[in-house]
Amino acid sequence: MIVWIGALLGVAFGIFQARKRQGKGLDYAQYGAAYGIAFAIVALIINIVIVRMTMG
């Protein structure tokens, strides 16, 4: 669940960045995908750290 939230926040942030740089539709998609994947990976790592800390 946390990974999905991270991915959605990444997509929103990527679209915001593309809009800020005056990109077109494909730029929105590319930035959204790149930031979405990056934020999802970071959220996954944070999730693993939290689970490991609470299990041990």
C-alpha atoms as a PDB file:
ATOM      1  CA  MET A   1       0.000   0.000   0.000  1.00  0.00           C
ATOM      2  CA  ILE A   2       2.804   2.389   0.882  1.00  0.00           C
ATOM      3  CA  VAL A   3       4.530   1.589  -2.412  1.00  0.00           C
ATOM      4  CA  TRP A   4       1.399   2.547  -4.366  1.00  0.00           C
ATOM      5  CA  ILE A   5       1.134   5.834  -2.475  1.00  0.00           C
ATOM      6  CA  GLY A   6       4.781   6.544  -3.229  1.00  0.00           C
ATOM      7  CA  ALA A   7       4.264   5.747  -6.901  1.00  0.00           C
ATOM      8  CA  LEU A   8       1.220   8.010  -7.164  1.00  0.00           C
ATOM      9  CA  LEU A   9       3.052  10.846  -5.429  1.00  0.00           C
ATOM     10  CA  GLY A  10       5.943  10.325  -7.824  1.00  0.00           C
ATOM     11  CA  VAL A  11       3.673  10.486 -10.852  1.00  0.00           C
ATOM     12  CA  ALA A  12       2.078  13.690  -9.565  1.00  0.00           C
ATOM     13  CA  PHE A  13       5.490  15.219  -8.862  1.00  0.00           C
ATOM     14  CA  GLY A  14       6.764  14.173 -12.301  1.00  0.00           C
ATOM     15  CA  ILE A  15       3.815  15.741 -14.068  1.00  0.00           C
ATOM     16  CA  PHE A  16       4.324  18.902 -12.026  1.00  0.00           C
ATOM     17  CA  GLN A  17       7.990  19.013 -13.074  1.00  0.00           C
ATOM     18  CA  ALA A  18       7.134  18.494 -16.753  1.00  0.00           C
ATOM     19  CA  ARG A  19       4.505  21.222 -16.590  1.00  0.00           C
ATOM     20  CA  LYS A  20       6.997  23.536 -14.863  1.00  0.00           C
ATOM     21  CA  ARG A  21       9.483  22.953 -17.707  1.00  0.00           C
ATOM     22  CA  GLN A  22       6.729  23.622 -20.273  1.00  0.00           C
ATOM     23  CA  GLY A  23       6.703  20.088 -21.675  1.00  0.00           C
ATOM     24  CA  LYS A  24       4.147  18.451 -23.916  1.00  0.00           C
ATOM     25  CA  GLY A  25       1.973  15.378 -23.369  1.00  0.00           C
ATOM     26  CA  LEU A  26       4.707  12.798 -23.871  1.00  0.00           C
ATOM     27  CA  ASP A  27       6.956  14.736 -21.505  1.00  0.00           C
ATOM     28  CA  TYR A  28       4.246  14.448 -18.855  1.00  0.00           C
ATOM     29  CA  ALA A  29       4.131  10.698 -19.396  1.00  0.00           C
ATOM     30  CA  GLN A  30       7.899  10.276 -19.315  1.00  0.00           C
ATOM     31  CA  TYR A  31       8.453  12.418 -16.232  1.00  0.00           C
ATOM     32  CA  GLY A  32       5.467  10.828 -14.501  1.00  0.00           C
ATOM     33  CA  ALA A  33       6.749   7.315 -15.189  1.00  0.00           C
ATOM     34  CA  ALA A  34      10.321   8.083 -14.161  1.00  0.00           C
ATOM     35  CA  TYR A  35       9.405   9.819 -10.924  1.00  0.00           C
ATOM     36  CA  GLY A  36       6.721   7.227 -10.205  1.00  0.00           C
ATOM     37  CA  ILE A  37       9.211   4.372 -10.460  1.00  0.00           C
ATOM     38  CA  ALA A  38      11.829   6.222  -8.419  1.00  0.00           C
ATOM     39  CA  PHE A  39       9.385   7.127  -5.638  1.00  0.00           C
ATOM     40  CA  ALA A  40       8.006   3.566  -5.597  1.00  0.00           C
ATOM     41  CA  ILE A  41      11.508   2.136  -5.113  1.00  0.00           C
ATOM     42  CA  VAL A  42      12.226   4.570  -2.285  1.00  0.00           C
ATOM     43  CA  ALA A  43       8.880   3.740  -0.659  1.00  0.00           C
ATOM     44  CA  LEU A  44       9.642   0.018  -0.977  1.00  0.00           C
ATOM     45  CA  ILE A  45      13.017   0.422   0.733  1.00  0.00           C
ATOM     46  CA  ILE A  46      11.455   2.477   3.527  1.00  0.00           C
ATOM     47  CA  ASN A  47       8.734  -0.161   3.920  1.00  0.00           C
ATOM     48  CA  ILE A  48      11.310  -2.954   4.195  1.00  0.00           C
ATOM     49  CA  VAL A  49      13.287  -1.028   6.812  1.00  0.00           C
ATOM     50  CA  ILE A  50      10.172  -0.366   8.893  1.00  0.00           C
ATOM     51  CA  VAL A  51       9.046  -4.006   8.736  1.00  0.00           C
ATOM     52  CA  ARG A  52      12.504  -5.275   9.687  1.00  0.00           C
ATOM     53  CA  MET A  53      12.712  -2.872  12.627  1.00  0.00           C
ATOM     54  CA  THR A  54       9.326  -3.929  13.999  1.00  0.00           C
ATOM     55  CA  MET A  55       9.918  -7.673  13.511  1.00  0.00           C
ATOM     56  CA  GLY A  56      13.209  -7.914  15.319  1.00  0.00           C
END
